[in-house]
C-alpha atoms as a PDB file:
ATOM      1  CA  UNK A   1      81.101  37.200 112.730  1.00  0.00           C
ATOM      2  CA  UNK A   2      78.984  39.164 110.063  1.00  0.00           C
ATOM      3  CA  UNK A   3      78.396  41.944 112.123  1.00  0.00           C
ATOM      4  CA  UNK A   4      82.039  41.986 111.554  1.00  0.00           C
ATOM      5  CA  UNK A   5      81.819  41.926 108.036  1.00  0.00           C
ATOM      6  CA  UNK A   6      79.530  44.637 108.530  1.00  0.00           C
ATOM      7  CA  UNK A   7      80.615  47.477 109.608  1.00  0.00           C
ATOM      8  CA  UNK A   8      83.434  47.577 106.860  1.00  0.00           C
ATOM      9  CA  UNK A   9      81.157  46.808 103.846  1.00  0.00           C
ATOM     10  CA  UNK A  10      78.965  49.552 105.395  1.00  0.00           C
ATOM     11  CA  UNK A  11      82.331  52.287 105.428  1.00  0.00           C
ATOM     12  CA  UNK A  12      83.685  50.775 102.050  1.00  0.00           C
ATOM     13  CA  UNK A  13      79.916  51.919 100.454  1.00  0.00           C
ATOM     14  CA  UNK A  14      79.690  55.396 101.749  1.00  0.00           C
ATOM     15  CA  UNK A  15      83.292  55.956 100.576  1.00  0.00           C
ATOM     16  CA  UNK A  16      82.650  54.836  96.721  1.00  0.00           C
ATOM     17  CA  UNK A  17      79.340  57.016  96.614  1.00  0.00           C
ATOM     18  CA  UNK A  18      81.062  59.790  98.606  1.00  0.00           C
ATOM     19  CA  UNK A  19      84.016  59.241  95.809  1.00  0.00           C
ATOM     20  CA  UNK A  20      81.090  58.615  93.417  1.00  0.00           C
ATOM     21  CA  UNK A  21      79.565  62.191  93.928  1.00  0.00           C
ATOM     22  CA  UNK A  22      83.094  64.265  94.128  1.00  0.00           C
ATOM     23  CA  UNK A  23      83.960  62.294  90.809  1.00  0.00           C
ATOM     24  CA  UNK A  24      80.571  63.455  89.251  1.00  0.00           C
ATOM     25  CA  UNK A  25      80.790  66.851  90.808  1.00  0.00           C
ATOM     26  CA  UNK A  26      84.829  67.130  89.262  1.00  0.00           C
ATOM     27  CA  UNK A  27      83.597  65.441  86.186  1.00  0.00           C
ATOM     28  CA  UNK A  28      80.521  68.286  85.325  1.00  0.00           C
ATOM     29  CA  UNK A  29      82.919  70.848  86.163  1.00  0.00           C
ATOM     30  CA  UNK A  30      85.590  69.723  83.449  1.00  0.00           C
ATOM     31  CA  UNK A  31      82.990  69.423  80.574  1.00  0.00           C
ATOM     32  CA  UNK A  32      82.227  72.786  81.664  1.00  0.00           C
ATOM     33  CA  UNK A  33      84.810  74.048  81.893  1.00  0.00           C
ATOM     34  CA  UNK A  34      85.815  72.506  78.126  1.00  0.00           C
ATOM     35  CA  UNK A  35      82.619  74.151  76.914  1.00  0.00           C
ATOM     36  CA  UNK A  36      83.415  77.555  78.030  1.00  0.00           C
ATOM     37  CA  UNK A  37      87.083  77.028  76.032  1.00  0.00           C
ATOM     38  CA  UNK A  38      85.145  76.013  73.073  1.00  0.00           C
ATOM     39  CA  UNK A  39      83.503  79.068  73.283  1.00  0.00           C
ATOM     40  CA  UNK A  40      80.119  76.260  74.293  1.00  0.00           C
ATOM     41  CA  UNK A  41      78.490  79.168  76.971  1.00  0.00           C
ATOM     42  CA  UNK A  42      74.791  77.039  76.939  1.00  0.00           C
ATOM     43  CA  UNK A  43      76.676  73.964  77.439  1.00  0.00           C
ATOM     44  CA  UNK A  44      78.640  74.999  80.052  1.00  0.00           C
ATOM     45  CA  UNK A  45      75.842  76.038  81.983  1.00  0.00           C
ATOM     46  CA  UNK A  46      74.227  72.831  81.314  1.00  0.00           C
ATOM     47  CA  UNK A  47      76.908  70.858  83.119  1.00  0.00           C
ATOM     48  CA  UNK A  48      77.001  74.063  85.865  1.00  0.00           C
ATOM     49  CA  UNK A  49      73.469  73.503  86.997  1.00  0.00           C
ATOM     50  CA  UNK A  50      73.571  69.247  87.529  1.00  0.00           C
ATOM     51  CA  UNK A  51      76.428  70.007  89.657  1.00  0.00           C
ATOM     52  CA  UNK A  52      74.791  73.581  91.776  1.00  0.00           C
ATOM     53  CA  UNK A  53      71.123  70.928  91.671  1.00  0.00           C
ATOM     54  CA  UNK A  54      73.298  68.347  93.138  1.00  0.00           C
ATOM     55  CA  UNK A  55      74.330  70.046  96.405  1.00  0.00           C
ATOM     56  CA  UNK A  56      73.478  73.747  96.156  1.00  0.00           C
ATOM     57  CA  UNK A  57      74.925  74.133  99.490  1.00  0.00           C
ATOM     58  CA  UNK A  58      78.026  72.786  98.962  1.00  0.00           C
ATOM     59  CA  UNK A  59      81.660  74.643  98.717  1.00  0.00           C
ATOM     60  CA  UNK A  60      81.548  72.703  94.844  1.00  0.00           C
ATOM     61  CA  UNK A  61      77.527  74.654  93.862  1.00  0.00           C
ATOM     62  CA  UNK A  62      78.988  77.906  94.999  1.00  0.00           C
ATOM     63  CA  UNK A  63      81.856  77.831  92.575  1.00  0.00           C
ATOM     64  CA  UNK A  64      79.832  76.346  89.800  1.00  0.00           C
ATOM     65  CA  UNK A  65      77.518  79.560  90.162  1.00  0.00           C
ATOM     66  CA  UNK A  66      79.898  82.121  90.214  1.00  0.00           C
ATOM     67  CA  UNK A  67      81.572  80.657  87.038  1.00  0.00           C
ATOM     68  CA  UNK A  68      77.810  80.304  86.158  1.00  0.00           C
ATOM     69  CA  UNK A  69      77.019  83.543  86.702  1.00  0.00           C
ATOM     70  CA  UNK A  70      79.995  85.001  84.872  1.00  0.00           C
ATOM     71  CA  UNK A  71      79.143  82.957  81.494  1.00  0.00           C
ATOM     72  CA  UNK A  72      75.018  84.225  81.754  1.00  0.00           C
ATOM     73  CA  UNK A  73      75.647  87.465  82.106  1.00  0.00           C
ATOM     74  CA  UNK A  74      79.434  88.920  79.728  1.00  0.00           C
ATOM     75  CA  UNK A  75      78.950  85.685  77.178  1.00  0.00           C
ATOM     76  CA  UNK A  76      75.357  85.008  76.499  1.00  0.00           C
ATOM     77  CA  UNK A  77      73.766  88.084  78.077  1.00  0.00           C
ATOM     78  CA  UNK A  78      70.919  86.640  79.305  1.00  0.00           C
ATOM     79  CA  UNK A  79      71.025  89.228  82.686  1.00  0.00           C
ATOM     80  CA  UNK A  80      67.645  86.860  84.025  1.00  0.00           C
ATOM     81  CA  UNK A  81      69.444  83.176  84.338  1.00  0.00           C
ATOM     82  CA  UNK A  82      72.169  85.238  86.392  1.00  0.00           C
ATOM     83  CA  UNK A  83      70.076  86.587  89.098  1.00  0.00           C
ATOM     84  CA  UNK A  84      68.812  83.692  89.630  1.00  0.00           C
ATOM     85  CA  UNK A  85      73.065  82.112  89.743  1.00  0.00           C
ATOM     86  CA  UNK A  86      73.399  85.855  92.387  1.00  0.00           C
ATOM     87  CA  UNK A  87      70.208  84.781  94.090  1.00  0.00           C
ATOM     88  CA  UNK A  88      71.938  80.682  94.638  1.00  0.00           C
ATOM     89  CA  UNK A  89      75.226  82.263  96.336  1.00  0.00           C
ATOM     90  CA  UNK A  90      73.374  84.699  98.321  1.00  0.00           C
ATOM     91  CA  UNK A  91      71.153  81.705  99.512  1.00  0.00           C
ATOM     92  CA  UNK A  92      74.059  79.286 100.629  1.00  0.00           C
ATOM     93  CA  UNK A  93      77.507  81.161 100.469  1.00  0.00           C
ATOM     94  CA  UNK A  94      78.622  82.555 103.935  1.00  0.00           C
ATOM     95  CA  UNK A  95      81.189  84.843 102.688  1.00  0.00           C
ATOM     96  CA  UNK A  96      79.021  88.293 103.371  1.00  0.00           C
ATOM     97  CA  UNK A  97      81.870  90.042 100.959  1.00  0.00           C
ATOM     98  CA  UNK A  98      80.629  87.560  97.932  1.00  0.00           C
ATOM     99  CA  UNK A  99      77.075  88.057  98.911  1.00  0.00           C
ATOM    100  CA  UNK A 100      77.077  91.572  99.111  1.00  0.00           C
ATOM    101  CA  UNK A 101      78.702  91.804  95.757  1.00  0.00           C
ATOM    102  CA  UNK A 102      76.414  89.135  94.046  1.00  0.00           C
ATOM    103  CA  UNK A 103      73.707  91.581  95.686  1.00  0.00           C
ATOM    104  CA  UNK A 104      74.898  94.418  93.492  1.00  0.00           C
ATOM    105  CA  UNK A 105      75.519  92.646  90.715  1.00  0.00           C
ATOM    106  CA  UNK A 106      71.453  91.701  90.810  1.00  0.00           C
ATOM    107  CA  UNK A 107      70.509  95.238  91.750  1.00  0.00           C
ATOM    108  CA  UNK A 108      72.818  96.593  88.643  1.00  0.00           C
ATOM    109  CA  UNK A 109      71.117  94.043  86.239  1.00  0.00           C
ATOM    110  CA  UNK A 110      67.665  95.329  86.670  1.00  0.00           C
ATOM    111  CA  UNK A 111      68.799  99.192  86.482  1.00  0.00           C
ATOM    112  CA  UNK A 112      71.445  98.830  83.865  1.00  0.00           C
ATOM    113  CA  UNK A 113      70.108  96.168  81.587  1.00  0.00           C
ATOM    114  CA  UNK A 114      66.479  95.495  82.104  1.00  0.00           C
ATOM    115  CA  UNK A 115      65.320  99.176  83.400  1.00  0.00           C
ATOM    116  CA  UNK A 116      63.611  97.224  85.341  1.00  0.00           C
ATOM    117  CA  UNK A 117      62.930  99.874  87.986  1.00  0.00           C
ATOM    118  CA  UNK A 118      60.332  98.816  90.284  1.00  0.00           C
ATOM    119  CA  UNK A 119      62.665  95.925  91.007  1.00  0.00           C
ATOM    120  CA  UNK A 120      65.925  97.846  91.128  1.00  0.00           C
ATOM    121  CA  UNK A 121      64.140 100.151  94.030  1.00  0.00           C
ATOM    122  CA  UNK A 122      63.516  96.764  95.940  1.00  0.00           C
ATOM    123  CA  UNK A 123      66.721  95.375  95.403  1.00  0.00           C
ATOM    124  CA  UNK A 124      68.844  98.643  95.939  1.00  0.00           C
ATOM    125  CA  UNK A 125      67.008  98.715  99.276  1.00  0.00           C
ATOM    126  CA  UNK A 126      68.416  95.436  99.614  1.00  0.00           C
ATOM    127  CA  UNK A 127      71.807  97.053  99.912  1.00  0.00           C
ATOM    128  CA  UNK A 128      71.435 100.145 101.812  1.00  0.00           C
ATOM    129  CA  UNK A 129      70.101  98.361 104.698  1.00  0.00           C
ATOM    130  CA  UNK A 130      73.806  96.188 105.183  1.00  0.00           C
ATOM    131  CA  UNK A 131      76.882  96.954 105.897  1.00  0.00           C
ATOM    132  CA  UNK A 132      78.423  99.356 102.606  1.00  0.00           C
ATOM    133  CA  UNK A 133      80.846 102.085 102.426  1.00  0.00           C
ATOM    134  CA  UNK A 134      79.877 106.021 101.371  1.00  0.00           C
ATOM    135  CA  UNK A 135      80.061 105.542  97.689  1.00  0.00           C
ATOM    136  CA  UNK A 136      78.407 102.786  97.580  1.00  0.00           C
ATOM    137  CA  UNK A 137      75.920 104.357  99.377  1.00  0.00           C
ATOM    138  CA  UNK A 138      75.465 107.001  96.632  1.00  0.00           C
ATOM    139  CA  UNK A 139      75.207 105.328  94.219  1.00  0.00           C
ATOM    140  CA  UNK A 140      72.567 102.960  96.047  1.00  0.00           C
ATOM    141  CA  UNK A 141      70.420 105.818  96.808  1.00  0.00           C
ATOM    142  CA  UNK A 142      70.759 108.268  93.922  1.00  0.00           C
ATOM    143  CA  UNK A 143      69.890 104.831  91.483  1.00  0.00           C
ATOM    144  CA  UNK A 144      66.358 104.287  93.598  1.00  0.00           C
ATOM    145  CA  UNK A 145      65.789 107.770  93.132  1.00  0.00           C
ATOM    146  CA  UNK A 146      66.310 108.030  89.671  1.00  0.00           C
ATOM    147  CA  UNK A 147      64.337 104.772  89.308  1.00  0.00           C
ATOM    148  CA  UNK A 148      60.578 106.110  90.600  1.00  0.00           C
ATOM    149  CA  UNK A 149      61.732 108.959  88.265  1.00  0.00           C
ATOM    150  CA  UNK A 150      61.852 106.961  85.252  1.00  0.00           C
ATOM    151  CA  UNK A 151      58.468 105.646  87.198  1.00  0.00           C
ATOM    152  CA  UNK A 152      56.749 108.511  87.477  1.00  0.00           C
ATOM    153  CA  UNK A 153      56.793 109.071  90.417  1.00  0.00           C
ATOM    154  CA  UNK A 154      58.248 112.250  90.751  1.00  0.00           C
ATOM    155  CA  UNK A 155      56.957 113.422  94.684  1.00  0.00           C
ATOM    156  CA  UNK A 156      59.164 109.778  95.935  1.00  0.00           C
ATOM    157  CA  UNK A 157      62.643 110.346  93.438  1.00  0.00           C
ATOM    158  CA  UNK A 158      62.157 113.961  94.947  1.00  0.00           C
ATOM    159  CA  UNK A 159      62.130 112.415  98.661  1.00  0.00           C
ATOM    160  CA  UNK A 160      64.683 110.476  97.806  1.00  0.00           C
ATOM    161  CA  UNK A 161      66.902 113.162  95.824  1.00  0.00           C
ATOM    162  CA  UNK A 162      66.527 116.182  99.534  1.00  0.00           C
ATOM    163  CA  UNK A 163      67.880 112.740 101.856  1.00  0.00           C
ATOM    164  CA  UNK A 164      70.937 113.054  99.655  1.00  0.00           C
ATOM    165  CA  UNK A 165      71.364 116.405  99.114  1.00  0.00           C
ATOM    166  CA  UNK A 166      71.023 116.475 103.516  1.00  0.00           C
ATOM    167  CA  UNK A 167      74.075 113.973 103.424  1.00  0.00           C
ATOM    168  CA  UNK A 168      76.397 115.407 100.645  1.00  0.00           C
ATOM    169  CA  UNK A 169      76.308 118.667 101.590  1.00  0.00           C
ATOM    170  CA  UNK A 170      79.383 119.572 101.457  1.00  0.00           C
ATOM    171  CA  UNK A 171      80.935 117.328  98.317  1.00  0.00           C
ATOM    172  CA  UNK A 172      80.605 119.519  95.261  1.00  0.00           C
ATOM    173  CA  UNK A 173      80.699 116.545  92.764  1.00  0.00           C
ATOM    174  CA  UNK A 174      77.170 115.659  94.453  1.00  0.00           C
ATOM    175  CA  UNK A 175      75.752 118.731  95.186  1.00  0.00           C
ATOM    176  CA  UNK A 176      76.234 119.570  90.937  1.00  0.00           C
ATOM    177  CA  UNK A 177      75.009 116.690  89.806  1.00  0.00           C
ATOM    178  CA  UNK A 178      72.092 116.155  92.186  1.00  0.00           C
ATOM    179  CA  UNK A 179      71.116 119.266  91.821  1.00  0.00           C
ATOM    180  CA  UNK A 180      70.713 118.657  88.398  1.00  0.00           C
ATOM    181  CA  UNK A 181      68.545 116.677  88.678  1.00  0.00           C
ATOM    182  CA  UNK A 182      66.381 118.286  91.336  1.00  0.00           C
ATOM    183  CA  UNK A 183      66.083 120.937  88.495  1.00  0.00           C
ATOM    184  CA  UNK A 184      64.830 117.920  86.333  1.00  0.00           C
ATOM    185  CA  UNK A 185      61.977 116.678  88.209  1.00  0.00           C
ATOM    186  CA  UNK A 186      60.917 120.753  89.209  1.00  0.00           C
ATOM    187  CA  UNK A 187      60.317 121.007  85.037  1.00  0.00           C
ATOM    188  CA  UNK A 188      59.065 117.623  84.441  1.00  0.00           C
ATOM    189  CA  UNK A 189      56.436 118.619  87.387  1.00  0.00           C
ATOM    190  CA  UNK A 190      55.704 122.125  85.857  1.00  0.00           C
ATOM    191  CA  UNK A 191      57.522 124.154  88.839  1.00  0.00           C
ATOM    192  CA  UNK A 192      58.894 126.189  85.963  1.00  0.00           C
ATOM    193  CA  UNK A 193      60.000 129.192  88.224  1.00  0.00           C
ATOM    194  CA  UNK A 194      61.885 126.861  90.422  1.00  0.00           C
ATOM    195  CA  UNK A 195      63.879 124.884  87.761  1.00  0.00           C
ATOM    196  CA  UNK A 196      64.831 128.153  85.954  1.00  0.00           C
ATOM    197  CA  UNK A 197      66.215 129.674  89.192  1.00  0.00           C
ATOM    198  CA  UNK A 198      67.916 126.432  90.543  1.00  0.00           C
ATOM    199  CA  UNK A 199      69.739 125.891  86.443  1.00  0.00           C
ATOM    200  CA  UNK A 200      70.384 129.912  86.828  1.00  0.00           C
ATOM    201  CA  UNK A 201      72.232 128.307  90.221  1.00  0.00           C
ATOM    202  CA  UNK A 202      74.040 126.000  88.637  1.00  0.00           C
ATOM    203  CA  UNK A 203      75.306 128.383  85.854  1.00  0.00           C
ATOM    204  CA  UNK A 204      77.055 130.406  88.589  1.00  0.00           C
ATOM    205  CA  UNK A 205      78.202 128.836  90.692  1.00  0.00           C
ATOM    206  CA  UNK A 206      79.238 125.802  89.039  1.00  0.00           C
ATOM    207  CA  UNK A 207      79.736 127.280  84.867  1.00  0.00           C
ATOM    208  CA  UNK A 208      82.148 124.179  83.565  1.00  0.00           C
ATOM    209  CA  UNK A 209      80.387 121.811  84.525  1.00  0.00           C
ATOM    210  CA  UNK A 210      76.875 123.245  83.654  1.00  0.00           C
ATOM    211  CA  UNK A 211      78.514 123.032  79.947  1.00  0.00           C
ATOM    212  CA  UNK A 212      79.100 120.214  79.761  1.00  0.00           C
ATOM    213  CA  UNK A 213      75.232 118.542  81.716  1.00  0.00           C
ATOM    214  CA  UNK A 214      73.836 120.907  78.518  1.00  0.00           C
ATOM    215  CA  UNK A 215      72.176 123.201  81.865  1.00  0.00           C
ATOM    216  CA  UNK A 216      72.181 126.371  79.153  1.00  0.00           C
ATOM    217  CA  UNK A 217      70.129 124.179  77.132  1.00  0.00           C
ATOM    218  CA  UNK A 218      67.500 123.130  79.745  1.00  0.00           C
ATOM    219  CA  UNK A 219      67.533 126.566  81.387  1.00  0.00           C
ATOM    220  CA  UNK A 220      66.724 127.840  77.420  1.00  0.00           C
ATOM    221  CA  UNK A 221      63.656 125.199  77.574  1.00  0.00           C
ATOM    222  CA  UNK A 222      62.046 126.840  80.496  1.00  0.00           C
ATOM    223  CA  UNK A 223      62.108 129.694  79.400  1.00  0.00           C
ATOM    224  CA  UNK A 224      60.054 128.327  76.491  1.00  0.00           C
ATOM    225  CA  UNK A 225      58.275 126.613  78.469  1.00  0.00           C
ATOM    226  CA  UNK A 226      56.629 129.587  80.059  1.00  0.00           C
ATOM    227  CA  UNK A 227      57.166 131.679  76.936  1.00  0.00           C
ATOM    228  CA  UNK A 228      59.569 133.552  77.630  1.00  0.00           C
ATOM    229  CA  UNK A 229      61.433 133.358  73.996  1.00  0.00           C
ATOM    230  CA  UNK A 230      63.419 136.528  73.951  1.00  0.00           C
ATOM    231  CA  UNK A 231      65.480 134.933  77.138  1.00  0.00           C
ATOM    232  CA  UNK A 232      65.279 131.875  75.717  1.00  0.00           C
ATOM    233  CA  UNK A 233      67.263 132.590  72.812  1.00  0.00           C
ATOM    234  CA  UNK A 234      69.740 134.738  74.722  1.00  0.00           C
ATOM    235  CA  UNK A 235      70.814 131.547  76.971  1.00  0.00           C
ATOM    236  CA  UNK A 236      71.049 129.923  73.569  1.00  0.00           C
ATOM    237  CA  UNK A 237      73.140 132.764  71.993  1.00  0.00           C
ATOM    238  CA  UNK A 238      75.445 132.971  74.854  1.00  0.00           C
ATOM    239  CA  UNK A 239      77.007 129.300  74.433  1.00  0.00           C
ATOM    240  CA  UNK A 240      75.887 128.783  70.163  1.00  0.00           C
ATOM    241  CA  UNK A 241      79.700 129.539  69.605  1.00  0.00           C
ATOM    242  CA  UNK A 242      81.725 127.773  71.394  1.00  0.00           C
ATOM    243  CA  UNK A 243      78.940 124.873  71.763  1.00  0.00           C
ATOM    244  CA  UNK A 244      80.023 120.845  69.630  1.00  0.00           C
ATOM    245  CA  UNK A 245      76.346 120.946  68.547  1.00  0.00           C
ATOM    246  CA  UNK A 246      76.521 124.663  66.854  1.00  0.00           C
ATOM    247  CA  UNK A 247      73.875 123.589  64.046  1.00  0.00           C
ATOM    248  CA  UNK A 248      71.400 122.400  66.515  1.00  0.00           C
ATOM    249  CA  UNK A 249      71.918 125.302  68.326  1.00  0.00           C
ATOM    250  CA  UNK A 250      71.239 128.128  65.389  1.00  0.00           C
ATOM    251  CA  UNK A 251      67.901 125.805  64.773  1.00  0.00           C
ATOM    252  CA  UNK A 252      66.242 126.060  67.621  1.00  0.00           C
ATOM    253  CA  UNK A 253      67.238 129.572  67.713  1.00  0.00           C
ATOM    254  CA  UNK A 254      65.301 130.348  64.694  1.00  0.00           C
ATOM    255  CA  UNK A 255      62.235 127.863  65.917  1.00  0.00           C
ATOM    256  CA  UNK A 256      62.152 129.605  68.904  1.00  0.00           C
ATOM    257  CA  UNK A 257      62.333 133.438  66.336  1.00  0.00           C
ATOM    258  CA  UNK A 258      59.285 131.946  64.637  1.00  0.00           C
ATOM    259  CA  UNK A 259      57.656 131.134  68.257  1.00  0.00           C
ATOM    260  CA  UNK A 260      58.439 134.548  68.697  1.00  0.00           C
ATOM    261  CA  UNK A 261      56.824 136.003  65.906  1.00  0.00           C
ATOM    262  CA  UNK A 262      53.449 134.077  65.910  1.00  0.00           C
ATOM    263  CA  UNK A 263      52.449 134.926  69.668  1.00  0.00           C
ATOM    264  CA  UNK A 264      49.541 137.401  69.482  1.00  0.00           C
ATOM    265  CA  UNK A 265      50.450 140.601  69.739  1.00  0.00           C
ATOM    266  CA  UNK A 266      53.763 140.101  68.583  1.00  0.00           C
ATOM    267  CA  UNK A 267      55.647 143.129  67.107  1.00  0.00           C
ATOM    268  CA  UNK A 268      59.004 141.735  66.731  1.00  0.00           C
ATOM    269  CA  UNK A 269      61.074 140.959  68.682  1.00  0.00           C
ATOM    270  CA  UNK A 270      63.455 142.283  71.667  1.00  0.00           C
ATOM    271  CA  UNK A 271      66.570 141.627  70.990  1.00  0.00           C
END
């Protein structure tokens, strides 16, 4: 008799406990939503954290992590906290697309919001090892190159750009963007003649895009670096009338004219 009574009691206890756990999570999720509706986003995260920590592998915890990531990112601008929630999703979700999007969010936060270029390189390289489409490949790889540039690792930045130029050699928009970035690397690393050649090529082959991206200004800076002030002035005069920053261009021309006059042995500036 005691055995017959014990089994039902055990089952009853199990279902009661399960119901309590389920009820607890539902209550916390409901409270989190109420806090969100009230604009108390920090309070909402408190309730969501309880769901996540109690049973992290459950679907309810994953849902809570997704909501928490959005709240932390969009409402609180707490990007470090958002990364924690995205990492939880990556660890426990069985949905490969959701894991990929969470990894992408982490990489973008490091690059766009935290300016943490060392970590952005690590996170984008993780993405590049996952299945992804061609447009994502371009974005991730170019951001790796830009991150190396920000870290003054110009050599590695140039290597990344060259690999992209080979891959996208038949895509004019990408070729322009990558070539401009390459020219800027060359100018930064004092390879001025190579930079000038590339700027001139861009102005010749992509005149409208080059004007929009201020390539003439960069070319003038490169000529100024070589103390070829006459060439720099002529480049600026060519865009002076049509520039939205006409006063800035005129001021730069006057400054270059003064530098030319003060050059040792200068006898006037040839136009």
